[in-house]
Amino acid sequence: MTHDLLKNVIQDLKASIEKIVVSDLKENTFYALIYLHVSGEIVAVDARPSDAIALALRARAPIFVEERVIDNAKTVDFAPEKGDAERLQKWLESLDPEELGKYKM
């Protein structure tokens, strides 16, 4: 997996993963930083939270979330818009059962 590869590359470069921080939430999109310890310095690398968390789990690195991200996430509505649900419902109702029988698993 890509996360295993990245972990191995970091280790082979004599670096270590210090921590992962889910750092921001903008327009329903989360952002994260991977903090690496490289040659005595800390380097922050932007990453998707899913990748950062997967990497942290493999490296047994701590995972943090900024408090403002948690506060903002409480107000985000991840439910699909009503119009989308209605369009899907109409499409499902218009399906012909005869057509569905043509496909085999």
PDB file of N, CA and C in Angstrom:
ATOM      1  N   MET A   1       0.836  -1.182   0.000  1.00  0.00           N
ATOM      2  CA  MET A   1       0.000   0.000   0.000  1.00  0.00           C
ATOM      3  C   MET A   1       0.885   1.251   0.000  1.00  0.00           C
ATOM      4  N   THR A   2       0.319   2.302  -0.497  1.00  0.00           N
ATOM      5  CA  THR A   2       1.057   3.557  -0.596  1.00  0.00           C
ATOM      6  C   THR A   2       1.505   4.055   0.780  1.00  0.00           C
ATOM      7  N   HIS A   3       0.661   3.856   1.783  1.00  0.00           N
ATOM      8  CA  HIS A   3       1.013   4.332   3.125  1.00  0.00           C
ATOM      9  C   HIS A   3       2.211   3.570   3.680  1.00  0.00           C
ATOM     10  N   ASP A   4       2.281   2.291   3.390  1.00  0.00           N
ATOM     11  CA  ASP A   4       3.441   1.495   3.822  1.00  0.00           C
ATOM     12  C   ASP A   4       4.698   1.956   3.097  1.00  0.00           C
ATOM     13  N   LEU A   5       4.561   2.238   1.817  1.00  0.00           N
ATOM     14  CA  LEU A   5       5.693   2.739   1.033  1.00  0.00           C
ATOM     15  C   LEU A   5       6.197   4.055   1.611  1.00  0.00           C
ATOM     16  N   LEU A   6       5.277   4.979   1.885  1.00  0.00           N
ATOM     17  CA  LEU A   6       5.673   6.278   2.427  1.00  0.00           C
ATOM     18  C   LEU A   6       6.357   6.119   3.783  1.00  0.00           C
ATOM     19  N   LYS A   7       5.830   5.248   4.606  1.00  0.00           N
ATOM     20  CA  LYS A   7       6.450   4.992   5.914  1.00  0.00           C
ATOM     21  C   LYS A   7       7.877   4.477   5.728  1.00  0.00           C
ATOM     22  N   ASN A   8       8.060   3.547   4.797  1.00  0.00           N
ATOM     23  CA  ASN A   8       9.401   3.005   4.538  1.00  0.00           C
ATOM     24  C   ASN A   8      10.342   4.068   3.982  1.00  0.00           C
ATOM     25  N   VAL A   9       9.851   4.922   3.092  1.00  0.00           N
ATOM     26  CA  VAL A   9      10.685   5.995   2.537  1.00  0.00           C
ATOM     27  C   VAL A   9      11.128   6.944   3.650  1.00  0.00           C
ATOM     28  N   ILE A  10      10.197   7.318   4.509  1.00  0.00           N
ATOM     29  CA  ILE A  10      10.535   8.214   5.620  1.00  0.00           C
ATOM     30  C   ILE A  10      11.603   7.578   6.503  1.00  0.00           C
ATOM     31  N   GLN A  11      11.437   6.316   6.830  1.00  0.00           N
ATOM     32  CA  GLN A  11      12.420   5.616   7.663  1.00  0.00           C
ATOM     33  C   GLN A  11      13.774   5.500   6.964  1.00  0.00           C
ATOM     34  N   ASP A  12      13.764   5.184   5.660  1.00  0.00           N
ATOM     35  CA  ASP A  12      15.017   5.045   4.913  1.00  0.00           C
ATOM     36  C   ASP A  12      15.763   6.372   4.795  1.00  0.00           C
ATOM     37  N   LEU A  13      15.037   7.476   4.853  1.00  0.00           N
ATOM     38  CA  LEU A  13      15.660   8.803   4.820  1.00  0.00           C
ATOM     39  C   LEU A  13      16.098   9.259   6.218  1.00  0.00           C
ATOM     40  N   LYS A  14      16.032   8.337   7.164  1.00  0.00           N
ATOM     41  CA  LYS A  14      16.435   8.596   8.551  1.00  0.00           C
ATOM     42  C   LYS A  14      15.595   9.704   9.179  1.00  0.00           C
ATOM     43  N   ALA A  15      14.321   9.743   8.822  1.00  0.00           N
ATOM     44  CA  ALA A  15      13.382  10.701   9.405  1.00  0.00           C
ATOM     45  C   ALA A  15      12.373   9.902  10.234  1.00  0.00           C
ATOM     46  N   SER A  16      11.562  10.621  10.993  1.00  0.00           N
ATOM     47  CA  SER A  16      10.520   9.961  11.772  1.00  0.00           C
ATOM     48  C   SER A  16       9.267  10.832  11.772  1.00  0.00           C
ATOM     49  N   ILE A  17       8.154  10.181  11.961  1.00  0.00           N
ATOM     50  CA  ILE A  17       6.877  10.896  12.017  1.00  0.00           C
ATOM     51  C   ILE A  17       6.628  11.279  13.467  1.00  0.00           C
ATOM     52  N   GLU A  18       6.621  12.579  13.713  1.00  0.00           N
ATOM     53  CA  GLU A  18       6.420  13.072  15.077  1.00  0.00           C
ATOM     54  C   GLU A  18       4.952  13.041  15.478  1.00  0.00           C
ATOM     55  N   LYS A  19       4.083  13.536  14.577  1.00  0.00           N
ATOM     56  CA  LYS A  19       2.654  13.585  14.879  1.00  0.00           C
ATOM     57  C   LYS A  19       1.887  13.947  13.611  1.00  0.00           C
ATOM     58  N   ILE A  20       0.591  13.739  13.686  1.00  0.00           N
ATOM     59  CA  ILE A  20      -0.333  14.128  12.635  1.00  0.00           C
ATOM     60  C   ILE A  20      -1.308  15.111  13.268  1.00  0.00           C
ATOM     61  N   VAL A  21      -1.621  16.181  12.547  1.00  0.00           N
ATOM     62  CA  VAL A  21      -2.589  17.157  13.050  1.00  0.00           C
ATOM     63  C   VAL A  21      -3.632  17.428  11.966  1.00  0.00           C
ATOM     64  N   VAL A  22      -4.893  17.151  12.283  1.00  0.00           N
ATOM     65  CA  VAL A  22      -5.980  17.583  11.412  1.00  0.00           C
ATOM     66  C   VAL A  22      -6.135  19.061  11.740  1.00  0.00           C
ATOM     67  N   SER A  23      -5.733  19.896  10.791  1.00  0.00           N
ATOM     68  CA  SER A  23      -5.469  21.299  11.092  1.00  0.00           C
ATOM     69  C   SER A  23      -6.527  22.292  10.648  1.00  0.00           C
ATOM     70  N   ASP A  24      -7.392  21.909   9.705  1.00  0.00           N
ATOM     71  CA  ASP A  24      -8.333  22.896   9.190  1.00  0.00           C
ATOM     72  C   ASP A  24      -9.554  22.217   8.597  1.00  0.00           C
ATOM     73  N   LEU A  25     -10.621  22.994   8.486  1.00  0.00           N
ATOM     74  CA  LEU A  25     -11.851  22.556   7.849  1.00  0.00           C
ATOM     75  C   LEU A  25     -12.395  23.752   7.086  1.00  0.00           C
ATOM     76  N   LYS A  26     -12.393  23.630   5.751  1.00  0.00           N
ATOM     77  CA  LYS A  26     -12.882  24.709   4.889  1.00  0.00           C
ATOM     78  C   LYS A  26     -13.841  24.115   3.872  1.00  0.00           C
ATOM     79  N   GLU A  27     -15.032  24.682   3.784  1.00  0.00           N
ATOM     80  CA  GLU A  27     -16.026  24.254   2.803  1.00  0.00           C
ATOM     81  C   GLU A  27     -16.218  22.734   2.810  1.00  0.00           C
ATOM     82  N   ASN A  28     -16.419  22.176   3.989  1.00  0.00           N
ATOM     83  CA  ASN A  28     -16.656  20.741   4.196  1.00  0.00           C
ATOM     84  C   ASN A  28     -15.471  19.858   3.818  1.00  0.00           C
ATOM     85  N   THR A  29     -14.278  20.435   3.703  1.00  0.00           N
ATOM     86  CA  THR A  29     -13.077  19.661   3.394  1.00  0.00           C
ATOM     87  C   THR A  29     -12.088  19.791   4.556  1.00  0.00           C
ATOM     88  N   PHE A  30     -11.635  18.645   5.052  1.00  0.00           N
ATOM     89  CA  PHE A  30     -10.656  18.622   6.137  1.00  0.00           C
ATOM     90  C   PHE A  30      -9.243  18.658   5.555  1.00  0.00           C
ATOM     91  N   TYR A  31      -8.323  19.244   6.309  1.00  0.00           N
ATOM     92  CA  TYR A  31      -6.912  19.322   5.921  1.00  0.00           C
ATOM     93  C   TYR A  31      -6.063  18.810   7.077  1.00  0.00           C
ATOM     94  N   ALA A  32      -4.913  18.246   6.739  1.00  0.00           N
ATOM     95  CA  ALA A  32      -4.029  17.713   7.778  1.00  0.00           C
ATOM     96  C   ALA A  32      -2.575  18.038   7.469  1.00  0.00           C
ATOM     97  N   LEU A  33      -1.766  17.942   8.499  1.00  0.00           N
ATOM     98  CA  LEU A  33      -0.320  18.112   8.385  1.00  0.00           C
ATOM     99  C   LEU A  33       0.360  16.892   8.994  1.00  0.00           C
ATOM    100  N   ILE A  34       1.391  16.434   8.320  1.00  0.00           N
ATOM    101  CA  ILE A  34       2.254  15.380   8.849  1.00  0.00           C
ATOM    102  C   ILE A  34       3.522  16.083   9.314  1.00  0.00           C
ATOM    103  N   TYR A  35       3.847  15.944  10.590  1.00  0.00           N
ATOM    104  CA  TYR A  35       5.063  16.552  11.126  1.00  0.00           C
ATOM    105  C   TYR A  35       6.159  15.503  11.161  1.00  0.00           C
ATOM    106  N   LEU A  36       7.224  15.780  10.419  1.00  0.00           N
ATOM    107  CA  LEU A  36       8.364  14.874  10.330  1.00  0.00           C
ATOM    108  C   LEU A  36       9.561  15.462  11.059  1.00  0.00           C
ATOM    109  N   HIS A  37      10.315  14.604  11.704  1.00  0.00           N
ATOM    110  CA  HIS A  37      11.581  14.995  12.328  1.00  0.00           C
ATOM    111  C   HIS A  37      12.675  14.584  11.350  1.00  0.00           C
ATOM    112  N   VAL A  38      13.307  15.593  10.706  1.00  0.00           N
ATOM    113  CA  VAL A  38      14.305  15.341   9.666  1.00  0.00           C
ATOM    114  C   VAL A  38      15.588  16.094  10.008  1.00  0.00           C
ATOM    115  N   SER A  39      16.651  15.376  10.194  1.00  0.00           N
ATOM    116  CA  SER A  39      17.972  15.984  10.467  1.00  0.00           C
ATOM    117  C   SER A  39      17.910  17.047  11.557  1.00  0.00           C
ATOM    118  N   GLY A  40      17.233  16.737  12.640  1.00  0.00           N
ATOM    119  CA  GLY A  40      17.177  17.647  13.776  1.00  0.00           C
ATOM    120  C   GLY A  40      16.151  18.763  13.636  1.00  0.00           C
ATOM    121  N   GLU A  41      15.414  18.795  12.553  1.00  0.00           N
ATOM    122  CA  GLU A  41      14.401  19.834  12.345  1.00  0.00           C
ATOM    123  C   GLU A  41      13.032  19.198  12.169  1.00  0.00           C
ATOM    124  N   ILE A  42      12.008  19.980  12.477  1.00  0.00           N
ATOM    125  CA  ILE A  42      10.632  19.544  12.260  1.00  0.00           C
ATOM    126  C   ILE A  42      10.145  20.149  10.941  1.00  0.00           C
ATOM    127  N   VAL A  43       9.609  19.293  10.082  1.00  0.00           N
ATOM    128  CA  VAL A  43       9.087  19.708   8.781  1.00  0.00           C
ATOM    129  C   VAL A  43       7.616  19.312   8.730  1.00  0.00           C
ATOM    130  N   ALA A  44       6.753  20.260   8.338  1.00  0.00           N
ATOM    131  CA  ALA A  44       5.323  19.981   8.203  1.00  0.00           C
ATOM    132  C   ALA A  44       4.993  19.773   6.725  1.00  0.00           C
ATOM    133  N   VAL A  45       4.263  18.683   6.440  1.00  0.00           N
ATOM    134  CA  VAL A  45       3.894  18.337   5.070  1.00  0.00           C
ATOM    135  C   VAL A  45       2.366  18.271   4.985  1.00  0.00           C
ATOM    136  N   ASP A  46       1.789  18.995   4.032  1.00  0.00           N
ATOM    137  CA  ASP A  46       0.342  18.932   3.815  1.00  0.00           C
ATOM    138  C   ASP A  46      -0.055  17.540   3.347  1.00  0.00           C
ATOM    139  N   ALA A  47      -1.222  17.081   3.816  1.00  0.00           N
ATOM    140  CA  ALA A  47      -1.709  15.765   3.403  1.00  0.00           C
ATOM    141  C   ALA A  47      -3.219  15.697   3.568  1.00  0.00           C
ATOM    142  N   ARG A  48      -3.818  14.755   2.858  1.00  0.00           N
ATOM    143  CA  ARG A  48      -5.228  14.477   3.116  1.00  0.00           C
ATOM    144  C   ARG A  48      -5.306  13.810   4.480  1.00  0.00           C
ATOM    145  N   PRO A  49      -6.324  14.143   5.266  1.00  0.00           N
ATOM    146  CA  PRO A  49      -6.429  13.526   6.590  1.00  0.00           C
ATOM    147  C   PRO A  49      -6.454  12.000   6.547  1.00  0.00           C
ATOM    148  N   SER A  50      -7.131  11.427   5.563  1.00  0.00           N
ATOM    149  CA  SER A  50      -7.195   9.961   5.501  1.00  0.00           C
ATOM    150  C   SER A  50      -5.806   9.357   5.318  1.00  0.00           C
ATOM    151  N   ASP A  51      -4.984   9.975   4.475  1.00  0.00           N
ATOM    152  CA  ASP A  51      -3.619   9.477   4.269  1.00  0.00           C
ATOM    153  C   ASP A  51      -2.761   9.696   5.509  1.00  0.00           C
ATOM    154  N   ALA A  52      -2.901  10.881   6.113  1.00  0.00           N
ATOM    155  CA  ALA A  52      -2.109  11.200   7.301  1.00  0.00           C
ATOM    156  C   ALA A  52      -2.440  10.240   8.446  1.00  0.00           C
ATOM    157  N   ILE A  53      -3.717   9.970   8.638  1.00  0.00           N
ATOM    158  CA  ILE A  53      -4.132   9.073   9.719  1.00  0.00           C
ATOM    159  C   ILE A  53      -3.657   7.645   9.440  1.00  0.00           C
ATOM    160  N   ALA A  54      -3.786   7.188   8.203  1.00  0.00           N
ATOM    161  CA  ALA A  54      -3.308   5.847   7.855  1.00  0.00           C
ATOM    162  C   ALA A  54      -1.809   5.725   8.116  1.00  0.00           C
ATOM    163  N   LEU A  55      -1.061   6.748   7.777  1.00  0.00           N
ATOM    164  CA  LEU A  55       0.379   6.756   8.002  1.00  0.00           C
ATOM    165  C   LEU A  55       0.691   6.763   9.500  1.00  0.00           C
ATOM    166  N   ALA A  56      -0.027   7.582  10.245  1.00  0.00           N
ATOM    167  CA  ALA A  56       0.188   7.657  11.700  1.00  0.00           C
ATOM    168  C   ALA A  56      -0.080   6.311  12.368  1.00  0.00           C
ATOM    169  N   LEU A  57      -1.117   5.624  11.938  1.00  0.00           N
ATOM    170  CA  LEU A  57      -1.430   4.327  12.527  1.00  0.00           C
ATOM    171  C   LEU A  57      -0.324   3.324  12.258  1.00  0.00           C
ATOM    172  N   ARG A  58       0.231   3.350  11.054  1.00  0.00           N
ATOM    173  CA  ARG A  58       1.317   2.424  10.719  1.00  0.00           C
ATOM    174  C   ARG A  58       2.596   2.752  11.491  1.00  0.00           C
ATOM    175  N   ALA A  59       2.822   4.038  11.730  1.00  0.00           N
ATOM    176  CA  ALA A  59       4.042   4.466  12.411  1.00  0.00           C
ATOM    177  C   ALA A  59       3.856   4.614  13.922  1.00  0.00           C
ATOM    178  N   ARG A  60       2.641   4.350  14.383  1.00  0.00           N
ATOM    179  CA  ARG A  60       2.318   4.513  15.814  1.00  0.00           C
ATOM    180  C   ARG A  60       2.617   5.933  16.298  1.00  0.00           C
ATOM    181  N   ALA A  61       2.284   6.895  15.451  1.00  0.00           N
ATOM    182  CA  ALA A  61       2.478   8.309  15.778  1.00  0.00           C
ATOM    183  C   ALA A  61       1.175   8.887  16.326  1.00  0.00           C
ATOM    184  N   PRO A  62       1.277   9.861  17.221  1.00  0.00           N
ATOM    185  CA  PRO A  62       0.054  10.464  17.777  1.00  0.00           C
ATOM    186  C   PRO A  62      -0.726  11.256  16.726  1.00  0.00           C
ATOM    187  N   ILE A  63      -2.037  11.265  16.895  1.00  0.00           N
ATOM    188  CA  ILE A  63      -2.936  11.986  15.994  1.00  0.00           C
ATOM    189  C   ILE A  63      -3.673  13.046  16.806  1.00  0.00           C
ATOM    190  N   PHE A  64      -3.630  14.289  16.333  1.00  0.00           N
ATOM    191  CA  PHE A  64      -4.286  15.402  17.006  1.00  0.00           C
ATOM    192  C   PHE A  64      -5.257  16.089  16.052  1.00  0.00           C
ATOM    193  N   VAL A  65      -6.243  16.776  16.642  1.00  0.00           N
ATOM    194  CA  VAL A  65      -7.179  17.582  15.867  1.00  0.00           C
ATOM    195  C   VAL A  65      -7.261  18.948  16.538  1.00  0.00           C
ATOM    196  N   GLU A  66      -7.078  20.005  15.739  1.00  0.00           N
ATOM    197  CA  GLU A  66      -7.192  21.359  16.278  1.00  0.00           C
ATOM    198  C   GLU A  66      -8.598  21.556  16.849  1.00  0.00           C
ATOM    199  N   GLU A  67      -8.692  22.248  17.962  1.00  0.00           N
ATOM    200  CA  GLU A  67      -9.982  22.460  18.615  1.00  0.00           C
ATOM    201  C   GLU A  67     -10.967  23.200  17.704  1.00  0.00           C
ATOM    202  N   ARG A  68     -10.478  24.156  16.933  1.00  0.00           N
ATOM    203  CA  ARG A  68     -11.378  24.907  16.055  1.00  0.00           C
ATOM    204  C   ARG A  68     -11.964  24.008  14.962  1.00  0.00           C
ATOM    205  N   VAL A  69     -11.219  22.963  14.564  1.00  0.00           N
ATOM    206  CA  VAL A  69     -11.736  22.023  13.573  1.00  0.00           C
ATOM    207  C   VAL A  69     -12.906  21.246  14.178  1.00  0.00           C
ATOM    208  N   ILE A  70     -12.755  20.813  15.405  1.00  0.00           N
ATOM    209  CA  ILE A  70     -13.831  20.092  16.089  1.00  0.00           C
ATOM    210  C   ILE A  70     -15.051  20.994  16.232  1.00  0.00           C
ATOM    211  N   ASP A  71     -14.839  22.237  16.649  1.00  0.00           N
ATOM    212  CA  ASP A  71     -15.953  23.175  16.803  1.00  0.00           C
ATOM    213  C   ASP A  71     -16.658  23.423  15.480  1.00  0.00           C
ATOM    214  N   ASN A  72     -15.885  23.617  14.403  1.00  0.00           N
ATOM    215  CA  ASN A  72     -16.482  23.871  13.088  1.00  0.00           C
ATOM    216  C   ASN A  72     -17.177  22.630  12.536  1.00  0.00           C
ATOM    217  N   ALA A  73     -16.654  21.455  12.843  1.00  0.00           N
ATOM    218  CA  ALA A  73     -17.244  20.221  12.336  1.00  0.00           C
ATOM    219  C   ALA A  73     -18.621  19.978  12.950  1.00  0.00           C
ATOM    220  N   LYS A  74     -18.857  20.501  14.130  1.00  0.00           N
ATOM    221  CA  LYS A  74     -20.161  20.330  14.777  1.00  0.00           C
ATOM    222  C   LYS A  74     -21.263  21.035  14.002  1.00  0.00           C
ATOM    223  N   THR A  75     -20.912  22.065  13.235  1.00  0.00           N
ATOM    224  CA  THR A  75     -21.924  22.850  12.530  1.00  0.00           C
ATOM    225  C   THR A  75     -22.059  22.466  11.065  1.00  0.00           C
ATOM    226  N   VAL A  76     -21.246  21.547  10.578  1.00  0.00           N
ATOM    227  CA  VAL A  76     -21.274  21.158   9.172  1.00  0.00           C
ATOM    228  C   VAL A  76     -22.371  20.125   8.955  1.00  0.00           C
ATOM    229  N   ASP A  77     -23.167  20.332   7.903  1.00  0.00           N
ATOM    230  CA  ASP A  77     -24.220  19.391   7.543  1.00  0.00           C
ATOM    231  C   ASP A  77     -23.719  18.519   6.396  1.00  0.00           C
ATOM    232  N   PHE A  78     -23.406  17.262   6.687  1.00  0.00           N
ATOM    233  CA  PHE A  78     -22.876  16.349   5.679  1.00  0.00           C
ATOM    234  C   PHE A  78     -23.983  15.601   4.941  1.00  0.00           C
ATOM    235  N   ALA A  79     -25.245  15.839   5.306  1.00  0.00           N
ATOM    236  CA  ALA A  79     -26.364  15.167   4.641  1.00  0.00           C
ATOM    237  C   ALA A  79     -26.513  15.700   3.220  1.00  0.00           C
ATOM    238  N   PRO A  80     -26.911  14.829   2.290  1.00  0.00           N
ATOM    239  CA  PRO A  80     -27.108  15.311   0.924  1.00  0.00           C
ATOM    240  C   PRO A  80     -28.246  16.319   0.882  1.00  0.00           C
ATOM    241  N   GLU A  81     -28.166  17.215  -0.089  1.00  0.00           N
ATOM    242  CA  GLU A  81     -29.215  18.222  -0.229  1.00  0.00           C
ATOM    243  C   GLU A  81     -30.521  17.549  -0.585  1.00  0.00           C
ATOM    244  N   LYS A  82     -31.619  18.173  -0.166  1.00  0.00           N
ATOM    245  CA  LYS A  82     -32.932  17.585  -0.396  1.00  0.00           C
ATOM    246  C   LYS A  82     -33.182  17.361  -1.890  1.00  0.00           C
ATOM    247  N   GLY A  83     -32.756  18.290  -2.729  1.00  0.00           N
ATOM    248  CA  GLY A  83     -32.936  18.153  -4.170  1.00  0.00           C
ATOM    249  C   GLY A  83     -32.263  16.909  -4.709  1.00  0.00           C
ATOM    250  N   ASP A  84     -31.081  16.597  -4.199  1.00  0.00           N
ATOM    251  CA  ASP A  84     -30.354  15.393  -4.634  1.00  0.00           C
ATOM    252  C   ASP A  84     -31.134  14.136  -4.263  1.00  0.00           C
ATOM    253  N   ALA A  85     -31.653  14.103  -3.050  1.00  0.00           N
ATOM    254  CA  ALA A  85     -32.402  12.935  -2.591  1.00  0.00           C
ATOM    255  C   ALA A  85     -33.677  12.760  -3.411  1.00  0.00           C
ATOM    256  N   GLU A  86     -34.338  13.869  -3.729  1.00  0.00           N
ATOM    257  CA  GLU A  86     -35.565  13.789  -4.525  1.00  0.00           C
ATOM    258  C   GLU A  86     -35.276  13.295  -5.941  1.00  0.00           C
ATOM    259  N   ARG A  87     -34.174  13.790  -6.544  1.00  0.00           N
ATOM    260  CA  ARG A  87     -33.797  13.338  -7.887  1.00  0.00           C
ATOM    261  C   ARG A  87     -33.489  11.850  -7.892  1.00  0.00           C
ATOM    262  N   LEU A  88     -32.779  11.380  -6.890  1.00  0.00           N
ATOM    263  CA  LEU A  88     -32.460   9.957  -6.788  1.00  0.00           C
ATOM    264  C   LEU A  88     -33.732   9.137  -6.633  1.00  0.00           C
ATOM    265  N   GLN A  89     -34.639   9.604  -5.787  1.00  0.00           N
ATOM    266  CA  GLN A  89     -35.899   8.901  -5.569  1.00  0.00           C
ATOM    267  C   GLN A  89     -36.680   8.773  -6.882  1.00  0.00           C
ATOM    268  N   LYS A  90     -36.772   9.866  -7.645  1.00  0.00           N
ATOM    269  CA  LYS A  90     -37.495   9.834  -8.923  1.00  0.00           C
ATOM    270  C   LYS A  90     -36.828   8.877  -9.906  1.00  0.00           C
ATOM    271  N   TRP A  91     -35.500   8.885  -9.942  1.00  0.00           N
ATOM    272  CA  TRP A  91     -34.776   7.995 -10.852  1.00  0.00           C
ATOM    273  C   TRP A  91     -35.025   6.535 -10.488  1.00  0.00           C
ATOM    274  N   LEU A  92     -34.960   6.233  -9.183  1.00  0.00           N
ATOM    275  CA  LEU A  92     -35.196   4.858  -8.741  1.00  0.00           C
ATOM    276  C   LEU A  92     -36.616   4.403  -9.086  1.00  0.00           C
ATOM    277  N   GLU A  93     -37.581   5.309  -8.914  1.00  0.00           N
ATOM    278  CA  GLU A  93     -38.970   4.965  -9.221  1.00  0.00           C
ATOM    279  C   GLU A  93     -39.186   4.746 -10.715  1.00  0.00           C
ATOM    280  N   SER A  94     -38.371   5.377 -11.549  1.00  0.00           N
ATOM    281  CA  SER A  94     -38.545   5.251 -12.997  1.00  0.00           C
ATOM    282  C   SER A  94     -37.854   4.023 -13.586  1.00  0.00           C
ATOM    283  N   LEU A  95     -37.077   3.309 -12.786  1.00  0.00           N
ATOM    284  CA  LEU A  95     -36.386   2.122 -13.296  1.00  0.00           C
ATOM    285  C   LEU A  95     -37.389   1.038 -13.693  1.00  0.00           C
ATOM    286  N   ASP A  96     -37.120   0.388 -14.798  1.00  0.00           N
ATOM    287  CA  ASP A  96     -37.953  -0.702 -15.284  1.00  0.00           C
ATOM    288  C   ASP A  96     -37.406  -2.019 -14.725  1.00  0.00           C
ATOM    289  N   PRO A  97     -38.210  -2.745 -13.937  1.00  0.00           N
ATOM    290  CA  PRO A  97     -37.729  -4.014 -13.359  1.00  0.00           C
ATOM    291  C   PRO A  97     -37.255  -5.010 -14.420  1.00  0.00           C
ATOM    292  N   GLU A  98     -37.831  -4.943 -15.622  1.00  0.00           N
ATOM    293  CA  GLU A  98     -37.413  -5.839 -16.699  1.00  0.00           C
ATOM    294  C   GLU A  98     -35.960  -5.575 -17.090  1.00  0.00           C
ATOM    295  N   GLU A  99     -35.572  -4.321 -17.094  1.00  0.00           N
ATOM    296  CA  GLU A  99     -34.195  -3.962 -17.428  1.00  0.00           C
ATOM    297  C   GLU A  99     -33.223  -4.479 -16.376  1.00  0.00           C
ATOM    298  N   LEU A 100     -33.605  -4.436 -15.132  1.00  0.00           N
ATOM    299  CA  LEU A 100     -32.723  -4.878 -14.043  1.00  0.00           C
ATOM    300  C   LEU A 100     -32.451  -6.374 -14.119  1.00  0.00           C
ATOM    301  N   GLY A 101     -33.390  -7.145 -14.641  1.00  0.00           N
ATOM    302  CA  GLY A 101     -33.221  -8.586 -14.734  1.00  0.00           C
ATOM    303  C   GLY A 101     -32.182  -9.014 -15.756  1.00  0.00           C
ATOM    304  N   LYS A 102     -31.748  -8.121 -16.611  1.00  0.00           N
ATOM    305  CA  LYS A 102     -30.776  -8.458 -17.657  1.00  0.00           C
ATOM    306  C   LYS A 102     -29.378  -8.677 -17.111  1.00  0.00           C
ATOM    307  N   TYR A 103     -29.079  -8.102 -15.953  1.00  0.00           N
ATOM    308  CA  TYR A 103     -27.717  -8.116 -15.437  1.00  0.00           C
ATOM    309  C   TYR A 103     -27.548  -9.208 -14.398  1.00  0.00           C
ATOM    310  N   LYS A 104     -26.516  -9.970 -14.549  1.00  0.00           N
ATOM    311  CA  LYS A 104     -26.219 -11.074 -13.626  1.00  0.00           C
ATOM    312  C   LYS A 104     -24.964 -10.730 -12.830  1.00  0.00           C
ATOM    313  N   MET A 105     -24.913 -11.210 -11.630  1.00  0.00           N
ATOM    314  CA  MET A 105     -23.747 -11.005 -10.774  1.00  0.00           C
ATOM    315  C   MET A 105     -22.798 -12.151 -10.963  1.00  0.00           C
TER     316      MET A 105
END
